[in-house]
Amino acid sequence: MGSSDNGAFDDPNKTEALRINHIQMKGTHNSYHLEPLLSPTREYMYSHEPLDVQASQLGVRQFEIDVWWDPRGGLRVYHNQYDSGTTCPTFENCLNVLLSWSNENPEHHPIFVWIEPKDWPEQATDVTTTLELSGILEDIEQEIAQFWPINKTITPDSVRGGRDTLKEAVTLDGWPLLEDSRGKAVFILLAGPQTRDLYIDDHPGLAGALMFTLSDESSGEAAFFSLTDPITNGGEITRLVEEGYIVRSRADSGGEEADNNDTTRRDAALETGAHTISTDYPTQVDGIDYWVEIPGGSPSRCNPRSSPDWCTSEDIEMLPITPSL
């Protein structure tokens, strides 16, 4: 079932409707990833369950997908040439797996899908040239439109509403209501300034775009931020959250926290109020005592920095979760 009050506040203390930035959720880093048989580095030594298993059994609600342009057609999903194991080999396949789960669980709170375009020539050539030649940004946009229904998509236009900019909308009016957003997905372009600017050139102000971007706070497109170090950037994350932006962070990186069962970074990410907390370890793994759960989540929880005081995890989402693997 969905929110316990379905947006109707019989309790006089519930004076503010829940919005999608009132959530804190667990995410996975390189969500498609499978450990290579011979890993050249500790960083690659982890595996994820298929995306729908992550959603149904592990409570994951944020996903990260690396997308490569393939001259043979279609968009491929993998990390790099040395680390190519994947549970969903194409972008279409990844979207279809998530869509099937979403359709079977239409009351889930919005899922966040971060999409990182990859391109080998960018190592030696100007990134804008290679991206323009491959057309990967246009291809990503087209495949989202083709394989994810628009009525299940929260777009920049739908958030902007009558405001001139996204920044004004999220900081002055707030994000869409949670009850209006169940069963939907938010797509975000996880890319640096050059790639982002190419995308915005095609979608000025993100008008007509299907993806949000990582934009400077001074920009009219400002809505999402990615600050992966919640220890060094904890104060900045909390400030952005409290001002109305949505922030991604990471609980661990490269296996260091997992090997040492060091929860410092994970705990800091939870405390800052980052909305999506990405991990390589969304569940317990044999031989490793470290993993990430959202405390008191069902599976997500009320954001400790932005949600109303009366909010409970059951108000956010209360789907049946199959026991973990």
Protein backbone atom coordinates (compact mmCIF):
# COMPACT_ATOMS: atom_id res chain seq x y z
CA MET A 1 0.00 0.00 0.00
CA GLY A 2 1.08 3.63 -0.24
CA SER A 3 1.03 6.44 2.26
CA SER A 4 -1.08 5.78 5.29
CA ASP A 5 -3.04 8.99 4.81
CA ASN A 6 -3.08 9.14 0.99
CA GLY A 7 -2.49 12.87 1.22
CA ALA A 8 -5.62 13.57 3.28
CA PHE A 9 -4.61 14.86 6.68
CA ASP A 10 -7.13 13.77 9.29
CA ASP A 11 -4.45 14.42 11.91
CA PRO A 12 -4.39 18.19 12.58
CA ASN A 13 -0.64 17.94 13.19
CA LYS A 14 -0.12 16.93 9.58
CA THR A 15 -0.18 20.38 8.05
CA GLU A 16 2.27 19.81 5.17
CA ALA A 17 1.92 17.28 2.36
CA LEU A 18 4.86 14.97 1.79
CA ARG A 19 7.01 15.69 -1.26
CA ILE A 20 9.61 13.64 -3.07
CA ASN A 21 12.48 15.52 -1.42
CA HIS A 22 11.23 14.37 1.99
CA ILE A 23 12.69 10.90 1.38
CA GLN A 24 16.02 9.26 2.18
CA MET A 25 16.67 6.09 0.16
CA LYS A 26 19.31 3.46 -0.47
CA GLY A 27 20.99 3.35 -3.85
CA THR A 28 23.55 1.21 -5.60
CA HIS A 29 26.72 2.36 -7.34
CA ASN A 30 27.15 0.84 -10.82
CA SER A 31 23.86 -0.93 -10.22
CA TYR A 32 24.31 -3.43 -13.08
CA HIS A 33 27.79 -4.56 -11.94
CA LEU A 34 29.15 -8.12 -11.80
CA GLU A 35 32.65 -8.84 -10.49
CA PRO A 36 35.09 -9.89 -13.22
CA LEU A 37 36.63 -13.35 -13.02
CA LEU A 38 40.10 -11.82 -12.74
CA SER A 39 39.80 -8.37 -11.26
CA PRO A 40 42.76 -6.02 -11.83
CA THR A 41 41.81 -3.96 -8.77
CA ARG A 42 39.95 -4.26 -5.47
CA GLU A 43 37.59 -1.57 -6.72
CA TYR A 44 35.91 -4.01 -9.13
CA MET A 45 35.46 -6.85 -6.62
CA TYR A 46 31.73 -6.68 -5.93
CA SER A 47 28.56 -7.91 -7.60
CA HIS A 48 24.97 -6.69 -7.59
CA GLU A 49 21.76 -8.64 -7.91
CA PRO A 50 19.58 -7.84 -10.96
CA LEU A 51 17.87 -4.47 -10.73
CA ASP A 52 14.43 -5.89 -9.96
CA VAL A 53 15.86 -8.08 -7.18
CA GLN A 54 17.57 -5.04 -5.69
CA ALA A 55 14.21 -3.26 -5.69
CA SER A 56 12.07 -6.13 -4.45
CA GLN A 57 14.41 -7.79 -1.95
CA LEU A 58 17.00 -5.21 -0.94
CA GLY A 59 14.92 -2.04 -0.79
CA VAL A 60 17.02 -0.18 -3.36
CA ARG A 61 15.28 2.84 -4.85
CA GLN A 62 18.18 4.63 -6.57
CA PHE A 63 20.10 3.14 -9.49
CA GLU A 64 23.20 4.18 -11.42
CA ILE A 65 23.73 3.03 -15.00
CA ASP A 66 26.84 3.56 -17.17
CA VAL A 67 25.85 3.84 -20.83
CA TRP A 68 28.16 3.34 -23.83
CA TRP A 69 27.41 4.14 -27.44
CA ASP A 70 27.76 1.08 -29.68
CA PRO A 71 28.37 1.66 -33.41
CA ARG A 72 26.43 -1.56 -34.09
CA GLY A 73 23.34 0.12 -32.68
CA GLY A 74 21.79 0.45 -29.26
CA LEU A 75 23.29 1.55 -25.98
CA ARG A 76 25.42 -0.90 -24.00
CA VAL A 77 25.72 -1.01 -20.20
CA TYR A 78 28.98 -1.93 -18.46
CA HIS A 79 31.76 -0.25 -16.47
CA ASN A 80 34.79 -0.42 -18.77
CA GLN A 81 36.72 -2.84 -21.01
CA TYR A 82 38.44 -4.44 -18.00
CA ASP A 83 35.25 -4.59 -15.96
CA SER A 84 32.44 -5.52 -18.31
CA GLY A 85 30.24 -7.86 -16.27
CA THR A 86 26.63 -6.69 -16.20
CA THR A 87 23.19 -7.98 -15.25
CA CYS A 88 21.54 -5.95 -18.03
CA PRO A 89 23.74 -5.64 -21.13
CA THR A 90 21.76 -2.89 -22.84
CA PHE A 91 20.11 0.30 -21.65
CA GLU A 92 16.82 -0.97 -23.05
CA ASN A 93 17.17 -4.14 -20.99
CA CYS A 94 17.92 -2.21 -17.79
CA LEU A 95 14.87 0.00 -18.28
CA ASN A 96 12.64 -2.96 -19.06
CA VAL A 97 13.70 -4.79 -15.89
CA LEU A 98 12.97 -1.75 -13.74
CA LEU A 99 9.71 -1.03 -15.55
CA SER A 100 8.39 -4.55 -15.01
CA TRP A 101 9.07 -4.24 -11.27
CA SER A 102 7.52 -0.78 -11.16
CA ASN A 103 4.36 -1.93 -12.94
CA GLU A 104 4.02 -4.79 -10.47
CA ASN A 105 4.45 -2.37 -7.53
CA PRO A 106 2.67 0.82 -8.62
CA GLU A 107 2.62 2.31 -5.10
CA HIS A 108 6.40 2.54 -4.77
CA HIS A 109 7.80 5.99 -4.10
CA PRO A 110 9.69 7.48 -7.06
CA ILE A 111 12.88 5.72 -8.07
CA PHE A 112 15.90 7.78 -9.09
CA VAL A 113 17.92 6.60 -12.09
CA TRP A 114 21.30 8.29 -12.56
CA ILE A 115 22.65 7.83 -16.09
CA GLU A 116 26.35 8.30 -16.83
CA PRO A 117 27.29 8.41 -20.52
CA LYS A 118 30.70 6.89 -21.30
CA ASP A 119 32.87 7.32 -24.38
CA TRP A 120 36.37 5.85 -24.88
CA PRO A 121 37.76 8.52 -27.24
CA GLU A 122 37.19 11.18 -24.60
CA GLN A 123 40.43 9.96 -22.96
CA ALA A 124 42.40 11.42 -25.85
CA THR A 125 40.01 13.85 -27.56
CA ASP A 126 37.90 16.77 -26.52
CA VAL A 127 34.82 15.31 -24.85
CA THR A 128 32.34 17.53 -26.66
CA THR A 129 33.62 16.39 -30.06
CA THR A 130 33.30 12.68 -29.31
CA LEU A 131 29.89 13.00 -27.70
CA GLU A 132 28.59 15.03 -30.62
CA LEU A 133 29.92 12.52 -33.13
CA SER A 134 28.41 9.53 -31.35
CA GLY A 135 25.09 11.21 -30.59
CA ILE A 136 24.95 9.31 -27.31
CA LEU A 137 23.00 11.98 -25.42
CA GLU A 138 20.29 12.03 -28.07
CA ASP A 139 20.23 8.23 -28.10
CA ILE A 140 19.81 8.09 -24.31
CA GLU A 141 16.96 10.59 -24.51
CA GLN A 142 15.27 8.62 -27.29
CA GLU A 143 15.55 5.30 -25.47
CA ILE A 144 14.08 6.74 -22.28
CA ALA A 145 11.17 8.05 -24.36
CA GLN A 146 10.79 4.69 -26.10
CA PHE A 147 11.16 2.32 -23.17
CA TRP A 148 9.81 4.27 -20.17
CA PRO A 149 6.24 5.66 -20.32
CA ILE A 150 6.01 9.43 -20.09
CA ASN A 151 3.13 9.13 -17.58
CA LYS A 152 5.56 7.31 -15.28
CA THR A 153 8.27 9.95 -15.64
CA ILE A 154 8.88 13.02 -13.47
CA THR A 155 10.36 15.50 -15.94
CA PRO A 156 11.97 18.93 -15.51
CA ASP A 157 8.89 20.47 -17.13
CA SER A 158 6.54 18.82 -14.63
CA VAL A 159 8.63 20.10 -11.71
CA ARG A 160 9.09 23.61 -13.13
CA GLY A 161 5.37 24.22 -13.46
CA GLY A 162 4.64 27.90 -13.97
CA ARG A 163 8.03 29.12 -12.75
CA ASP A 164 10.66 30.49 -15.11
CA THR A 165 13.36 28.11 -13.83
CA LEU A 166 13.74 24.79 -12.06
CA LYS A 167 15.77 26.49 -9.34
CA GLU A 168 12.83 28.77 -8.52
CA ALA A 169 10.39 25.88 -8.58
CA VAL A 170 12.26 23.59 -6.18
CA THR A 171 13.36 26.29 -3.74
CA LEU A 172 10.15 28.35 -3.69
CA ASP A 173 7.30 25.97 -4.54
CA GLY A 174 8.79 22.60 -3.64
CA TRP A 175 9.01 19.27 -5.43
CA PRO A 176 5.98 17.27 -6.64
CA LEU A 177 3.76 15.68 -4.02
CA LEU A 178 4.71 12.15 -3.04
CA GLU A 179 1.18 10.85 -3.60
CA ASP A 180 1.21 12.20 -7.17
CA SER A 181 4.60 10.61 -7.80
CA ARG A 182 4.12 6.98 -6.83
CA GLY A 183 5.06 4.46 -9.50
CA LYS A 184 7.23 7.00 -11.34
CA ALA A 185 10.93 7.47 -12.11
CA VAL A 186 13.25 10.46 -12.12
CA PHE A 187 16.16 10.37 -14.60
CA ILE A 188 19.30 12.40 -13.93
CA LEU A 189 22.29 12.92 -16.22
CA LEU A 190 25.39 12.09 -14.16
CA ALA A 191 28.00 14.01 -16.11
CA GLY A 192 30.50 16.82 -15.90
CA PRO A 193 30.04 20.40 -17.12
CA GLN A 194 31.02 19.84 -20.77
CA THR A 195 28.62 16.94 -21.28
CA ARG A 196 25.90 18.68 -19.29
CA ASP A 197 26.23 21.83 -21.38
CA LEU A 198 25.85 19.82 -24.58
CA TYR A 199 22.61 18.41 -23.23
CA ILE A 200 21.34 21.83 -22.16
CA ASP A 201 22.21 23.24 -25.58
CA ASP A 202 19.69 20.78 -27.01
CA HIS A 203 17.21 21.48 -24.18
CA PRO A 204 17.59 25.13 -23.06
CA GLY A 205 16.46 25.46 -19.48
CA LEU A 206 15.78 21.70 -19.71
CA ALA A 207 12.52 22.49 -21.53
CA GLY A 208 11.25 19.28 -23.09
CA ALA A 209 14.07 17.25 -21.50
CA LEU A 210 13.56 13.86 -19.89
CA MET A 211 16.62 14.12 -17.65
CA PHE A 212 17.64 16.54 -14.94
CA THR A 213 21.29 17.63 -14.78
CA LEU A 214 24.00 18.44 -12.26
CA SER A 215 24.10 22.21 -12.62
CA ASP A 216 25.73 25.00 -10.66
CA GLU A 217 23.64 26.50 -7.89
CA SER A 218 23.66 29.83 -9.74
CA SER A 219 22.07 28.16 -12.77
CA GLY A 220 18.37 28.11 -13.55
CA GLU A 221 18.66 24.33 -14.08
CA ALA A 222 19.87 23.77 -10.49
CA ALA A 223 17.85 21.00 -8.85
CA PHE A 224 20.17 17.99 -8.30
CA PHE A 225 23.65 17.75 -6.79
CA SER A 226 26.12 14.90 -6.35
CA LEU A 227 28.53 15.27 -3.42
CA THR A 228 30.09 11.86 -2.96
CA ASP A 229 32.12 12.58 0.20
CA PRO A 230 29.67 13.16 3.06
CA ILE A 231 32.50 13.64 5.56
CA THR A 232 34.31 16.48 3.81
CA ASN A 233 31.14 17.94 2.28
CA GLY A 234 28.65 17.13 5.03
CA GLY A 235 27.78 20.74 5.83
CA GLU A 236 27.31 21.60 2.17
CA ILE A 237 25.05 18.57 1.62
CA THR A 238 22.86 19.55 4.57
CA ARG A 239 22.64 23.16 3.39
CA LEU A 240 21.56 22.11 -0.10
CA VAL A 241 18.99 19.66 1.28
CA GLU A 242 17.51 22.27 3.59
CA GLU A 243 17.28 24.77 0.72
CA GLY A 244 15.18 22.33 -1.31
CA TYR A 245 17.63 20.65 -3.67
CA ILE A 246 17.99 16.87 -4.03
CA VAL A 247 21.45 15.46 -3.25
CA ARG A 248 23.18 12.17 -4.03
CA SER A 249 26.07 10.92 -1.89
CA ARG A 250 28.06 7.70 -1.41
CA ALA A 251 28.45 5.51 1.66
CA ASP A 252 31.58 3.73 0.42
CA SER A 253 34.03 3.56 -2.45
CA GLY A 254 36.57 1.09 -3.78
CA GLY A 255 35.97 -1.52 -1.09
CA GLU A 256 37.89 0.39 1.57
CA GLU A 257 34.98 0.79 3.98
CA ALA A 258 33.82 -2.77 3.38
CA ASP A 259 37.25 -4.28 4.05
CA ASN A 260 37.60 -2.38 7.32
CA ASN A 261 33.93 -2.49 8.36
CA ASP A 262 34.21 1.27 8.60
CA THR A 263 30.76 2.84 8.85
CA THR A 264 31.97 6.43 9.32
CA ARG A 265 31.19 7.51 5.77
CA ARG A 266 27.89 5.65 5.69
CA ASP A 267 26.75 7.18 8.97
CA ALA A 268 27.81 10.64 7.84
CA ALA A 269 25.78 10.30 4.62
CA LEU A 270 22.70 9.33 6.61
CA GLU A 271 23.15 12.23 9.01
CA THR A 272 23.65 14.89 6.33
CA GLY A 273 20.20 14.25 4.87
CA ALA A 274 21.47 13.20 1.44
CA HIS A 275 18.40 11.88 -0.38
CA THR A 276 20.08 8.98 -2.18
CA ILE A 277 22.95 7.11 -0.56
CA SER A 278 24.84 4.93 -3.00
CA THR A 279 26.74 1.78 -2.04
CA ASP A 280 28.50 -1.24 -3.48
CA TYR A 281 27.09 -3.28 -0.57
CA PRO A 282 23.29 -3.01 -0.30
CA THR A 283 23.13 -6.33 1.57
CA GLN A 284 25.40 -8.60 3.56
CA VAL A 285 28.06 -10.49 1.61
CA ASP A 286 29.92 -13.59 2.80
CA GLY A 287 33.14 -12.60 4.54
CA ILE A 288 32.23 -8.90 4.83
CA ASP A 289 30.50 -7.40 7.85
CA TYR A 290 29.77 -4.05 6.19
CA TRP A 291 26.59 -3.18 4.30
CA VAL A 292 24.11 -0.33 4.04
CA GLU A 293 20.55 -0.15 5.32
CA ILE A 294 18.35 2.89 5.84
CA PRO A 295 17.67 2.92 9.62
CA GLY A 296 14.00 2.38 10.29
CA GLY A 297 13.27 2.38 6.56
CA SER A 298 10.41 0.47 5.01
CA PRO A 299 12.57 0.42 2.86
CA SER A 300 13.21 4.18 2.72
CA ARG A 301 12.65 6.67 5.50
CA CYS A 302 11.69 10.27 6.15
CA ASN A 303 14.61 12.55 5.38
CA PRO A 304 16.15 13.67 8.70
CA ARG A 305 16.83 17.18 7.34
CA SER A 306 13.87 18.02 5.15
CA SER A 307 10.76 16.03 6.09
CA PRO A 308 7.97 17.21 8.43
CA ASP A 309 8.33 16.14 12.07
CA TRP A 310 5.23 13.94 11.90
CA CYS A 311 6.49 11.89 8.95
CA THR A 312 7.02 8.13 9.40
CA SER A 313 8.63 5.58 7.10
CA GLU A 314 5.20 4.04 6.51
CA ASP A 315 4.04 7.39 5.13
CA ILE A 316 6.86 7.23 2.56
CA GLU A 317 6.36 3.66 1.40
CA MET A 318 5.14 0.37 2.85
CA LEU A 319 5.57 -2.22 0.12
CA PRO A 320 6.09 -5.87 1.01
CA ILE A 321 9.80 -6.63 0.77
CA THR A 322 10.82 -10.20 -0.01
CA PRO A 323 13.39 -11.43 2.55
CA SER A 324 16.95 -10.61 1.56
CA LEU A 325 19.08 -13.18 -0.19
